[in-house]
PDB file of N, CA and C in Angstrom:
ATOM      1  N   ALA A   1       0.856  -1.176   0.014  1.00  0.00           N
ATOM      2  CA  ALA A   1      -0.014   0.021   0.045  1.00  0.00           C
ATOM      3  C   ALA A   1       0.853   1.273   0.050  1.00  0.00           C
ATOM      4  N   GLY A   2       2.057   1.181   0.634  1.00  0.00           N
ATOM      5  CA  GLY A   2       2.853   2.360   0.686  1.00  0.00           C
ATOM      6  C   GLY A   2       3.443   2.643  -0.674  1.00  0.00           C
ATOM      7  N   ALA A   3       3.806   1.621  -1.422  1.00  0.00           N
ATOM      8  CA  ALA A   3       4.302   1.884  -2.838  1.00  0.00           C
ATOM      9  C   ALA A   3       3.215   2.448  -3.754  1.00  0.00           C
ATOM     10  N   ALA A   4       1.976   2.022  -3.537  1.00  0.00           N
ATOM     11  CA  ALA A   4       0.881   2.555  -4.299  1.00  0.00           C
ATOM     12  C   ALA A   4       0.647   4.060  -4.017  1.00  0.00           C
ATOM     13  N   ARG A   5       0.840   4.397  -2.737  1.00  0.00           N
ATOM     14  CA  ARG A   5       0.662   5.756  -2.347  1.00  0.00           C
ATOM     15  C   ARG A   5       1.790   6.616  -2.846  1.00  0.00           C
ATOM     16  N   ALA A   6       3.019   5.968  -2.874  1.00  0.00           N
ATOM     17  CA  ALA A   6       4.167   6.682  -3.443  1.00  0.00           C
ATOM     18  C   ALA A   6       4.108   6.945  -4.928  1.00  0.00           C
ATOM     19  N   LYS A   7       3.365   6.083  -5.626  1.00  0.00           N
ATOM     20  CA  LYS A   7       3.105   6.238  -7.040  1.00  0.00           C
ATOM     21  C   LYS A   7       2.102   7.378  -7.343  1.00  0.00           C
ATOM     22  N   GLY A   8       1.365   7.841  -6.256  1.00  0.00           N
ATOM     23  CA  GLY A   8       0.505   8.908  -6.453  1.00  0.00           C
ATOM     24  C   GLY A   8      -0.927   8.442  -6.610  1.00  0.00           C
ATOM     25  N   LEU A   9      -1.331   7.321  -6.266  1.00  0.00           N
ATOM     26  CA  LEU A   9      -2.700   6.812  -6.403  1.00  0.00           C
ATOM     27  C   LEU A   9      -3.489   7.366  -5.304  1.00  0.00           C
ATOM     28  N   GLU A  10      -4.858   7.573  -5.650  1.00  0.00           N
ATOM     29  CA  GLU A  10      -5.749   8.120  -4.729  1.00  0.00           C
ATOM     30  C   GLU A  10      -5.976   7.033  -3.535  1.00  0.00           C
ATOM     31  N   GLU A  11      -6.499   7.534  -2.481  1.00  0.00           N
ATOM     32  CA  GLU A  11      -6.777   6.595  -1.308  1.00  0.00           C
ATOM     33  C   GLU A  11      -7.768   5.500  -1.666  1.00  0.00           C
ATOM     34  N   LYS A  12      -8.825   5.746  -2.488  1.00  0.00           N
ATOM     35  CA  LYS A  12      -9.802   4.827  -2.901  1.00  0.00           C
ATOM     36  C   LYS A  12      -9.080   3.725  -3.772  1.00  0.00           C
ATOM     37  N   GLN A  13      -8.218   4.152  -4.659  1.00  0.00           N
ATOM     38  CA  GLN A  13      -7.501   3.134  -5.542  1.00  0.00           C
ATOM     39  C   GLN A  13      -6.596   2.304  -4.698  1.00  0.00           C
ATOM     40  N   VAL A  14      -5.933   2.854  -3.666  1.00  0.00           N
ATOM     41  CA  VAL A  14      -5.107   2.100  -2.843  1.00  0.00           C
ATOM     42  C   VAL A  14      -5.858   1.031  -2.167  1.00  0.00           C
ATOM     43  N   LEU A  15      -6.949   1.488  -1.421  1.00  0.00           N
ATOM     44  CA  LEU A  15      -7.786   0.596  -0.712  1.00  0.00           C
ATOM     45  C   LEU A  15      -8.392  -0.560  -1.524  1.00  0.00           C
ATOM     46  N   TYR A  16      -9.086  -0.183  -2.632  1.00  0.00           N
ATOM     47  CA  TYR A  16      -9.784  -1.158  -3.466  1.00  0.00           C
ATOM     48  C   TYR A  16      -8.812  -2.016  -4.324  1.00  0.00           C
ATOM     49  N   GLY A  17      -7.768  -1.430  -4.747  1.00  0.00           N
ATOM     50  CA  GLY A  17      -6.868  -2.157  -5.644  1.00  0.00           C
ATOM     51  C   GLY A  17      -5.784  -3.015  -4.954  1.00  0.00           C
ATOM     52  N   HIS A  18      -5.419  -2.558  -3.787  1.00  0.00           N
ATOM     53  CA  HIS A  18      -4.289  -3.207  -3.072  1.00  0.00           C
ATOM     54  C   HIS A  18      -4.677  -3.907  -1.761  1.00  0.00           C
ATOM     55  N   VAL A  19      -5.292  -3.034  -0.911  1.00  0.00           N
ATOM     56  CA  VAL A  19      -5.594  -3.579   0.414  1.00  0.00           C
ATOM     57  C   VAL A  19      -6.699  -4.627   0.476  1.00  0.00           C
ATOM     58  N   PHE A  20      -7.889  -4.194  -0.095  1.00  0.00           N
ATOM     59  CA  PHE A  20      -9.067  -5.035   0.014  1.00  0.00           C
ATOM     60  C   PHE A  20      -8.868  -6.366  -0.815  1.00  0.00           C
ATOM     61  N   ARG A  21      -8.166  -6.304  -1.875  1.00  0.00           N
ATOM     62  CA  ARG A  21      -7.986  -7.456  -2.642  1.00  0.00           C
ATOM     63  C   ARG A  21      -7.177  -8.517  -1.786  1.00  0.00           C
ATOM     64  N   ASN A  22      -6.141  -8.100  -1.170  1.00  0.00           N
ATOM     65  CA  ASN A  22      -5.372  -9.116  -0.355  1.00  0.00           C
ATOM     66  C   ASN A  22      -6.147  -9.555   0.928  1.00  0.00           C
ATOM     67  N   ALA A  23      -6.870  -8.604   1.475  1.00  0.00           N
ATOM     68  CA  ALA A  23      -7.733  -8.963   2.655  1.00  0.00           C
ATOM     69  C   ALA A  23      -8.784  -9.932   2.262  1.00  0.00           C
ATOM     70  N   MET A  24      -9.351  -9.789   1.162  1.00  0.00           N
ATOM     71  CA  MET A  24     -10.489 -10.698   0.661  1.00  0.00           C
ATOM     72  C   MET A  24     -10.061 -12.169   0.520  1.00  0.00           C
ATOM     73  N   LEU A  25      -8.797 -12.332   0.179  1.00  0.00           N
ATOM     74  CA  LEU A  25      -8.285 -13.707   0.042  1.00  0.00           C
ATOM     75  C   LEU A  25      -8.354 -14.435   1.361  1.00  0.00           C
ATOM     76  N   ILE A  26      -8.020 -13.783   2.440  1.00  0.00           N
ATOM     77  CA  ILE A  26      -8.103 -14.414   3.745  1.00  0.00           C
ATOM     78  C   ILE A  26      -9.488 -14.661   4.128  1.00  0.00           C
ATOM     79  N   VAL A  27     -10.427 -13.745   3.900  1.00  0.00           N
ATOM     80  CA  VAL A  27     -11.840 -13.936   4.194  1.00  0.00           C
ATOM     81  C   VAL A  27     -12.453 -15.052   3.379  1.00  0.00           C
ATOM     82  N   ILE A  28     -12.036 -15.091   2.087  1.00  0.00           N
ATOM     83  CA  ILE A  28     -12.637 -16.151   1.275  1.00  0.00           C
ATOM     84  C   ILE A  28     -12.082 -17.539   1.628  1.00  0.00           C
ATOM     85  N   ALA A  29     -10.834 -17.559   2.123  1.00  0.00           N
ATOM     86  CA  ALA A  29     -10.285 -18.912   2.577  1.00  0.00           C
ATOM     87  C   ALA A  29     -10.947 -19.493   3.746  1.00  0.00           C
ATOM     88  N   SER A  30     -11.325 -18.555   4.676  1.00  0.00           N
ATOM     89  CA  SER A  30     -11.900 -19.116   6.011  1.00  0.00           C
ATOM     90  C   SER A  30     -13.402 -19.205   5.931  1.00  0.00           C
ATOM     91  N   LEU A  31     -14.052 -18.610   4.941  1.00  0.00           N
ATOM     92  CA  LEU A  31     -15.503 -18.550   4.849  1.00  0.00           C
ATOM     93  C   LEU A  31     -16.161 -19.935   4.764  1.00  0.00           C
ATOM     94  N   PRO A  32     -15.788 -20.840   3.962  1.00  0.00           N
ATOM     95  CA  PRO A  32     -16.611 -22.157   4.036  1.00  0.00           C
ATOM     96  C   PRO A  32     -16.601 -22.888   5.332  1.00  0.00           C
ATOM     97  N   GLY A  33     -15.430 -22.962   6.017  1.00  0.00           N
ATOM     98  CA  GLY A  33     -15.420 -23.606   7.272  1.00  0.00           C
ATOM     99  C   GLY A  33     -16.302 -22.907   8.291  1.00  0.00           C
ATOM    100  N   VAL A  34     -16.173 -21.684   8.324  1.00  0.00           N
ATOM    101  CA  VAL A  34     -16.982 -20.911   9.306  1.00  0.00           C
ATOM    102  C   VAL A  34     -18.534 -21.056   9.024  1.00  0.00           C
ATOM    103  N   LEU A  35     -18.877 -20.930   7.810  1.00  0.00           N
ATOM    104  CA  LEU A  35     -20.315 -21.138   7.360  1.00  0.00           C
ATOM    105  C   LEU A  35     -20.846 -22.460   7.794  1.00  0.00           C
ATOM    106  N   VAL A  36     -20.175 -23.482   7.386  1.00  0.00           N
ATOM    107  CA  VAL A  36     -20.646 -24.824   7.693  1.00  0.00           C
ATOM    108  C   VAL A  36     -20.698 -25.054   9.212  1.00  0.00           C
ATOM    109  N   ALA A  37     -19.744 -24.592  10.001  1.00  0.00           N
ATOM    110  CA  ALA A  37     -19.726 -24.794  11.458  1.00  0.00           C
ATOM    111  C   ALA A  37     -20.966 -24.002  11.977  1.00  0.00           C
ATOM    112  N   LEU A  38     -21.120 -22.800  11.547  1.00  0.00           N
ATOM    113  CA  LEU A  38     -22.258 -22.005  12.085  1.00  0.00           C
ATOM    114  C   LEU A  38     -23.635 -22.527  11.699  1.00  0.00           C
ATOM    115  N   PHE A  39     -23.703 -23.037  10.540  1.00  0.00           N
ATOM    116  CA  PHE A  39     -24.942 -23.626   9.996  1.00  0.00           C
ATOM    117  C   PHE A  39     -25.277 -24.961  10.716  1.00  0.00           C
ATOM    118  N   PHE A  40     -24.230 -25.759  11.000  1.00  0.00           N
ATOM    119  CA  PHE A  40     -24.403 -27.049  11.662  1.00  0.00           C
ATOM    120  C   PHE A  40     -24.784 -26.790  13.107  1.00  0.00           C
ATOM    121  N   THR A  41     -24.090 -25.965  13.868  1.00  0.00           N
ATOM    122  CA  THR A  41     -24.384 -25.796  15.314  1.00  0.00           C
ATOM    123  C   THR A  41     -25.601 -24.959  15.423  1.00  0.00           C
ATOM    124  N   GLY A  42     -25.839 -23.983  14.501  1.00  0.00           N
ATOM    125  CA  GLY A  42     -27.015 -23.206  14.578  1.00  0.00           C
ATOM    126  C   GLY A  42     -28.317 -24.038  14.463  1.00  0.00           C
ATOM    127  N   SER A  43     -28.267 -24.850  13.362  1.00  0.00           N
ATOM    128  CA  SER A  43     -29.413 -25.635  13.131  1.00  0.00           C
ATOM    129  C   SER A  43     -29.668 -26.692  14.206  1.00  0.00           C
ATOM    130  N   LEU A  44     -28.581 -27.210  14.741  1.00  0.00           N
ATOM    131  CA  LEU A  44     -28.658 -28.215  15.810  1.00  0.00           C
ATOM    132  C   LEU A  44     -29.273 -27.521  17.068  1.00  0.00           C
ATOM    133  N   LEU A  45     -28.674 -26.411  17.444  1.00  0.00           N
ATOM    134  CA  LEU A  45     -29.227 -25.773  18.707  1.00  0.00           C
ATOM    135  C   LEU A  45     -30.718 -25.299  18.585  1.00  0.00           C
ATOM    136  N   ILE A  46     -30.949 -24.516  17.500  1.00  0.00           N
ATOM    137  CA  ILE A  46     -32.262 -23.959  17.379  1.00  0.00           C
ATOM    138  C   ILE A  46     -33.374 -25.048  17.214  1.00  0.00           C
ATOM    139  N   GLU A  47     -33.054 -26.084  16.417  1.00  0.00           N
ATOM    140  CA  GLU A  47     -33.972 -27.106  16.221  1.00  0.00           C
ATOM    141  C   GLU A  47     -34.238 -27.943  17.460  1.00  0.00           C
ATOM    142  N   VAL A  48     -33.227 -28.231  18.316  1.00  0.00           N
ATOM    143  CA  VAL A  48     -33.423 -29.005  19.557  1.00  0.00           C
ATOM    144  C   VAL A  48     -34.140 -28.136  20.603  1.00  0.00           C
ATOM    145  N   ILE A  49     -33.726 -26.759  20.715  1.00  0.00           N
ATOM    146  CA  ILE A  49     -34.298 -26.025  21.752  1.00  0.00           C
ATOM    147  C   ILE A  49     -35.834 -25.708  21.435  1.00  0.00           C
ATOM    148  N   PHE A  50     -36.167 -25.428  20.206  1.00  0.00           N
ATOM    149  CA  PHE A  50     -37.552 -25.107  19.839  1.00  0.00           C
ATOM    150  C   PHE A  50     -38.330 -26.258  19.251  1.00  0.00           C
ATOM    151  N   SER A  51     -37.771 -27.436  19.274  1.00  0.00           N
ATOM    152  CA  SER A  51     -38.441 -28.651  18.671  1.00  0.00           C
ATOM    153  C   SER A  51     -38.919 -28.505  17.244  1.00  0.00           C
ATOM    154  N   LEU A  52     -38.057 -27.889  16.440  1.00  0.00           N
ATOM    155  CA  LEU A  52     -38.428 -27.691  15.117  1.00  0.00           C
ATOM    156  C   LEU A  52     -37.857 -28.986  14.289  1.00  0.00           C
ATOM    157  N   ASP A  53     -38.623 -29.352  13.264  1.00  0.00           N
ATOM    158  CA  ASP A  53     -38.147 -30.464  12.399  1.00  0.00           C
ATOM    159  C   ASP A  53     -37.130 -29.939  11.485  1.00  0.00           C
ATOM    160  N   GLY A  54     -36.023 -30.628  11.406  1.00  0.00           N
ATOM    161  CA  GLY A  54     -34.991 -30.224  10.479  1.00  0.00           C
ATOM    162  C   GLY A  54     -33.778 -31.234  10.561  1.00  0.00           C
ATOM    163  N   LEU A  55     -32.724 -30.936   9.875  1.00  0.00           N
ATOM    164  CA  LEU A  55     -31.553 -31.808   9.803  1.00  0.00           C
ATOM    165  C   LEU A  55     -30.782 -31.850  11.233  1.00  0.00           C
ATOM    166  N   GLY A  56     -30.795 -30.739  11.804  1.00  0.00           N
ATOM    167  CA  GLY A  56     -30.097 -30.686  13.194  1.00  0.00           C
ATOM    168  C   GLY A  56     -30.816 -31.563  14.212  1.00  0.00           C
ATOM    169  N   LEU A  57     -32.109 -31.438  14.237  1.00  0.00           N
ATOM    170  CA  LEU A  57     -32.855 -32.352  15.211  1.00  0.00           C
ATOM    171  C   LEU A  57     -32.826 -33.804  14.801  1.00  0.00           C
ATOM    172  N   LEU A  58     -32.893 -34.095  13.469  1.00  0.00           N
ATOM    173  CA  LEU A  58     -32.810 -35.424  13.038  1.00  0.00           C
ATOM    174  C   LEU A  58     -31.375 -36.065  13.445  1.00  0.00           C
ATOM    175  N   GLY A  59     -30.351 -35.339  13.267  1.00  0.00           N
ATOM    176  CA  GLY A  59     -29.002 -35.763  13.705  1.00  0.00           C
ATOM    177  C   GLY A  59     -28.905 -35.992  15.150  1.00  0.00           C
ATOM    178  N   PHE A  60     -29.437 -35.048  15.885  1.00  0.00           N
ATOM    179  CA  PHE A  60     -29.416 -35.128  17.368  1.00  0.00           C
ATOM    180  C   PHE A  60     -30.181 -36.282  17.902  1.00  0.00           C
ATOM    181  N   GLU A  61     -31.382 -36.521  17.335  1.00  0.00           N
ATOM    182  CA  GLU A  61     -32.175 -37.664  17.791  1.00  0.00           C
ATOM    183  C   GLU A  61     -31.573 -39.022  17.353  1.00  0.00           C
ATOM    184  N   ALA A  62     -30.891 -39.012  16.186  1.00  0.00           N
ATOM    185  CA  ALA A  62     -30.291 -40.175  15.725  1.00  0.00           C
ATOM    186  C   ALA A  62     -29.045 -40.500  16.674  1.00  0.00           C
ATOM    187  N   ALA A  63     -28.325 -39.487  17.133  1.00  0.00           N
ATOM    188  CA  ALA A  63     -27.246 -39.721  18.000  1.00  0.00           C
ATOM    189  C   ALA A  63     -27.698 -40.264  19.357  1.00  0.00           C
ATOM    190  N   LEU A  64     -28.831 -39.756  19.818  1.00  0.00           N
ATOM    191  CA  LEU A  64     -29.393 -40.273  21.121  1.00  0.00           C
ATOM    192  C   LEU A  64     -29.819 -41.700  20.965  1.00  0.00           C
ATOM    193  N   ASN A  65     -30.401 -42.036  19.792  1.00  0.00           N
ATOM    194  CA  ASN A  65     -30.873 -43.376  19.575  1.00  0.00           C
ATOM    195  C   ASN A  65     -29.894 -44.389  18.959  1.00  0.00           C
ATOM    196  N   ARG A  66     -28.712 -43.819  18.766  1.00  0.00           N
ATOM    197  CA  ARG A  66     -27.562 -44.652  18.100  1.00  0.00           C
ATOM    198  C   ARG A  66     -27.989 -45.147  16.743  1.00  0.00           C
ATOM    199  N   ASP A  67     -28.583 -44.308  15.974  1.00  0.00           N
ATOM    200  CA  ASP A  67     -29.067 -44.769  14.659  1.00  0.00           C
ATOM    201  C   ASP A  67     -27.899 -44.308  13.652  1.00  0.00           C
ATOM    202  N   TYR A  68     -26.887 -45.156  13.502  1.00  0.00           N
ATOM    203  CA  TYR A  68     -25.725 -44.729  12.834  1.00  0.00           C
ATOM    204  C   TYR A  68     -25.938 -44.412  11.304  1.00  0.00           C
ATOM    205  N   PRO A  69     -26.746 -45.157  10.595  1.00  0.00           N
ATOM    206  CA  PRO A  69     -26.963 -44.695   9.188  1.00  0.00           C
ATOM    207  C   PRO A  69     -27.538 -43.242   8.985  1.00  0.00           C
ATOM    208  N   VAL A  70     -28.452 -42.819   9.943  1.00  0.00           N
ATOM    209  CA  VAL A  70     -28.959 -41.535   9.886  1.00  0.00           C
ATOM    210  C   VAL A  70     -27.949 -40.517  10.303  1.00  0.00           C
ATOM    211  N   ILE A  71     -27.141 -40.851  11.321  1.00  0.00           N
ATOM    212  CA  ILE A  71     -25.995 -39.912  11.698  1.00  0.00           C
ATOM    213  C   ILE A  71     -25.079 -39.703  10.539  1.00  0.00           C
ATOM    214  N   PHE A  72     -24.651 -40.766   9.917  1.00  0.00           N
ATOM    215  CA  PHE A  72     -23.799 -40.655   8.685  1.00  0.00           C
ATOM    216  C   PHE A  72     -24.456 -39.917   7.572  1.00  0.00           C
ATOM    217  N   GLY A  73     -25.714 -40.072   7.443  1.00  0.00           N
ATOM    218  CA  GLY A  73     -26.517 -39.293   6.363  1.00  0.00           C
ATOM    219  C   GLY A  73     -26.468 -37.880   6.602  1.00  0.00           C
ATOM    220  N   THR A  74     -26.765 -37.405   7.854  1.00  0.00           N
ATOM    221  CA  THR A  74     -26.645 -35.956   8.103  1.00  0.00           C
ATOM    222  C   THR A  74     -25.271 -35.393   8.132  1.00  0.00           C
ATOM    223  N   LEU A  75     -24.241 -36.160   8.506  1.00  0.00           N
ATOM    224  CA  LEU A  75     -22.929 -35.600   8.447  1.00  0.00           C
ATOM    225  C   LEU A  75     -22.552 -35.618   6.966  1.00  0.00           C
ATOM    226  N   TYR A  76     -23.095 -36.564   6.160  1.00  0.00           N
ATOM    227  CA  TYR A  76     -22.758 -36.481   4.753  1.00  0.00           C
ATOM    228  C   TYR A  76     -23.274 -35.238   4.093  1.00  0.00           C
ATOM    229  N   ILE A  77     -24.496 -34.804   4.351  1.00  0.00           N
ATOM    230  CA  ILE A  77     -25.174 -33.679   3.874  1.00  0.00           C
ATOM    231  C   ILE A  77     -24.306 -32.441   4.355  1.00  0.00           C
ATOM    232  N   PHE A  78     -23.956 -32.275   5.597  1.00  0.00           N
ATOM    233  CA  PHE A  78     -23.266 -31.136   5.953  1.00  0.00           C
ATOM    234  C   PHE A  78     -21.866 -31.152   5.278  1.00  0.00           C
ATOM    235  N   THR A  79     -21.184 -32.339   5.142  1.00  0.00           N
ATOM    236  CA  THR A  79     -19.927 -32.296   4.504  1.00  0.00           C
ATOM    237  C   THR A  79     -20.000 -31.918   3.044  1.00  0.00           C
ATOM    238  N   LEU A  80     -21.094 -32.391   2.392  1.00  0.00           N
ATOM    239  CA  LEU A  80     -21.338 -32.031   0.967  1.00  0.00           C
ATOM    240  C   LEU A  80     -21.505 -30.588   0.862  1.00  0.00           C
ATOM    241  N   MET A  81     -22.219 -29.913   1.861  1.00  0.00           N
ATOM    242  CA  MET A  81     -22.406 -28.443   1.731  1.00  0.00           C
ATOM    243  C   MET A  81     -21.139 -27.735   1.994  1.00  0.00           C
ATOM    244  N   GLY A  82     -20.242 -28.276   2.810  1.00  0.00           N
ATOM    245  CA  GLY A  82     -18.925 -27.704   3.003  1.00  0.00           C
ATOM    246  C   GLY A  82     -18.113 -27.816   1.758  1.00  0.00           C
ATOM    247  N   LEU A  83     -18.136 -28.917   1.054  1.00  0.00           N
ATOM    248  CA  LEU A  83     -17.346 -29.163  -0.184  1.00  0.00           C
ATOM    249  C   LEU A  83     -17.784 -28.113  -1.220  1.00  0.00           C
ATOM    250  N   VAL A  84     -19.154 -27.988  -1.311  1.00  0.00           N
ATOM    251  CA  VAL A  84     -19.697 -27.061  -2.359  1.00  0.00           C
ATOM    252  C   VAL A  84     -19.283 -25.585  -2.041  1.00  0.00           C
ATOM    253  N   LEU A  85     -19.351 -25.236  -0.743  1.00  0.00           N
ATOM    254  CA  LEU A  85     -18.820 -23.894  -0.391  1.00  0.00           C
ATOM    255  C   LEU A  85     -17.355 -23.654  -0.636  1.00  0.00           C
ATOM    256  N   LYS A  86     -16.599 -24.729  -0.348  1.00  0.00           N
ATOM    257  CA  LYS A  86     -15.165 -24.662  -0.623  1.00  0.00           C
ATOM    258  C   LYS A  86     -14.853 -24.508  -2.061  1.00  0.00           C
ATOM    259  N   LEU A  87     -15.579 -25.236  -2.998  1.00  0.00           N
ATOM    260  CA  LEU A  87     -15.495 -25.019  -4.424  1.00  0.00           C
ATOM    261  C   LEU A  87     -15.866 -23.640  -4.876  1.00  0.00           C
ATOM    262  N   ILE A  88     -16.882 -23.143  -4.333  1.00  0.00           N
ATOM    263  CA  ILE A  88     -17.361 -21.664  -4.543  1.00  0.00           C
ATOM    264  C   ILE A  88     -16.221 -20.699  -4.055  1.00  0.00           C
ATOM    265  N   SER A  89     -15.648 -21.002  -2.929  1.00  0.00           N
ATOM    266  CA  SER A  89     -14.559 -20.076  -2.485  1.00  0.00           C
ATOM    267  C   SER A  89     -13.299 -20.144  -3.424  1.00  0.00           C
ATOM    268  N   ASP A  90     -12.994 -21.413  -3.887  1.00  0.00           N
ATOM    269  CA  ASP A  90     -11.889 -21.467  -4.837  1.00  0.00           C
ATOM    270  C   ASP A  90     -12.199 -20.770  -6.105  1.00  0.00           C
ATOM    271  N   LEU A  91     -13.403 -20.879  -6.552  1.00  0.00           N
ATOM    272  CA  LEU A  91     -13.709 -20.147  -7.865  1.00  0.00           C
ATOM    273  C   LEU A  91     -13.627 -18.615  -7.649  1.00  0.00           C
ATOM    274  N   THR A  92     -14.025 -18.100  -6.498  1.00  0.00           N
ATOM    275  CA  THR A  92     -13.997 -16.707  -6.252  1.00  0.00           C
ATOM    276  C   THR A  92     -12.615 -16.222  -5.952  1.00  0.00           C
ATOM    277  N   TYR A  93     -11.696 -17.087  -5.591  1.00  0.00           N
ATOM    278  CA  TYR A  93     -10.320 -16.796  -5.430  1.00  0.00           C
ATOM    279  C   TYR A  93      -9.776 -16.242  -6.721  1.00  0.00           C
ATOM    280  N   VAL A  94     -10.085 -16.881  -7.896  1.00  0.00           N
ATOM    281  CA  VAL A  94      -9.685 -16.560  -9.162  1.00  0.00           C
ATOM    282  C   VAL A  94     -10.217 -15.237  -9.667  1.00  0.00           C
ATOM    283  N   LEU A  95     -11.521 -15.021  -9.236  1.00  0.00           N
ATOM    284  CA  LEU A  95     -12.157 -13.705  -9.511  1.00  0.00           C
ATOM    285  C   LEU A  95     -11.501 -12.540  -8.792  1.00  0.00           C
ATOM    286  N   VAL A  96     -11.187 -12.720  -7.527  1.00  0.00           N
ATOM    287  CA  VAL A  96     -10.533 -11.736  -6.721  1.00  0.00           C
ATOM    288  C   VAL A  96      -9.167 -11.367  -7.119  1.00  0.00           C
ATOM    289  N   ASP A  97      -8.361 -12.469  -7.385  1.00  0.00           N
ATOM    290  CA  ASP A  97      -6.981 -12.292  -7.765  1.00  0.00           C
ATOM    291  C   ASP A  97      -6.664 -13.242  -8.913  1.00  0.00           C
ATOM    292  N   PRO A  98      -6.637 -12.714 -10.113  1.00  0.00           N
ATOM    293  CA  PRO A  98      -6.407 -13.583 -11.284  1.00  0.00           C
ATOM    294  C   PRO A  98      -5.036 -14.160 -11.348  1.00  0.00           C
ATOM    295  N   ARG A  99      -4.133 -13.715 -10.554  1.00  0.00           N
ATOM    296  CA  ARG A  99      -2.756 -14.318 -10.592  1.00  0.00           C
ATOM    297  C   ARG A  99      -2.718 -15.721  -9.943  1.00  0.00           C
ATOM    298  N   ILE A 100      -3.721 -16.102  -9.214  1.00  0.00           N
ATOM    299  CA  ILE A 100      -3.825 -17.447  -8.529  1.00  0.00           C
ATOM    300  C   ILE A 100      -4.325 -18.337  -9.718  1.00  0.00           C
ATOM    301  N   ASP A 101      -3.485 -19.389  -9.762  1.00  0.00           N
ATOM    302  CA  ASP A 101      -3.784 -20.418 -10.832  1.00  0.00           C
ATOM    303  C   ASP A 101      -3.678 -21.795 -10.255  1.00  0.00           C
ATOM    304  N   PHE A 102      -4.850 -22.479 -10.130  1.00  0.00           N
ATOM    305  CA  PHE A 102      -4.917 -23.826  -9.591  1.00  0.00           C
ATOM    306  C   PHE A 102      -4.407 -24.853 -10.524  1.00  0.00           C
ATOM    307  N   GLU A 103      -4.448 -24.621 -11.792  1.00  0.00           N
ATOM    308  CA  GLU A 103      -4.012 -25.607 -12.831  1.00  0.00           C
ATOM    309  C   GLU A 103      -2.477 -25.845 -12.742  1.00  0.00           C
ATOM    310  N   SER A 104      -1.684 -24.871 -12.413  1.00  0.00           N
ATOM    311  CA  SER A 104      -0.254 -25.040 -12.373  1.00  0.00           C
ATOM    312  C   SER A 104       0.137 -25.881 -11.059  1.00  0.00           C
ATOM    313  N   ARG A 105      -0.698 -26.088 -10.100  1.00  0.00           N
ATOM    314  CA  ARG A 105      -0.507 -26.735  -8.932  1.00  0.00           C
ATOM    315  C   ARG A 105      -0.915 -28.199  -8.977  1.00  0.00           C
ATOM    316  N   GLU A 106      -1.306 -28.672 -10.138  1.00  0.00           N
ATOM    317  CA  GLU A 106      -1.897 -29.990 -10.427  1.00  0.00           C
ATOM    318  C   GLU A 106      -0.926 -31.151  -9.919  1.00  0.00           C
ATOM    319  N   GLY A 107       0.352 -30.994 -10.290  1.00  0.00           N
ATOM    320  CA  GLY A 107       1.332 -31.970  -9.924  1.00  0.00           C
ATOM    321  C   GLY A 107       1.808 -31.958  -8.540  1.00  0.00           C
ATOM    322  N   ALA A 108       1.465 -30.915  -7.819  1.00  0.00           N
ATOM    323  CA  ALA A 108       2.061 -30.818  -6.455  1.00  0.00           C
ATOM    324  C   ALA A 108       1.191 -31.607  -5.503  1.00  0.00           C
TER     325      ALA A 108
END
């Protein structure tokens, strides 16, 4: 940001072009994990407390009854949602910073 200011760029250009772009990469990287964790715990707590029908209550009752196929099914759905969110975050990585190239890391 200091070099951009030294080049004579306006404060808006420095913020949007340099600071926010690099800060967004960190936000995008942590977003899928945080969203899935919040969705899982939020649905579990709200559905158990208020006796609402949903995936959280289903998983909770399955855990109490030791219904392993239902437990694995609910965990599978939450994991699938996490993977989809991770895919979306990887795609937005390229939109935010075009220098990031996932194809070149194929062999690594």
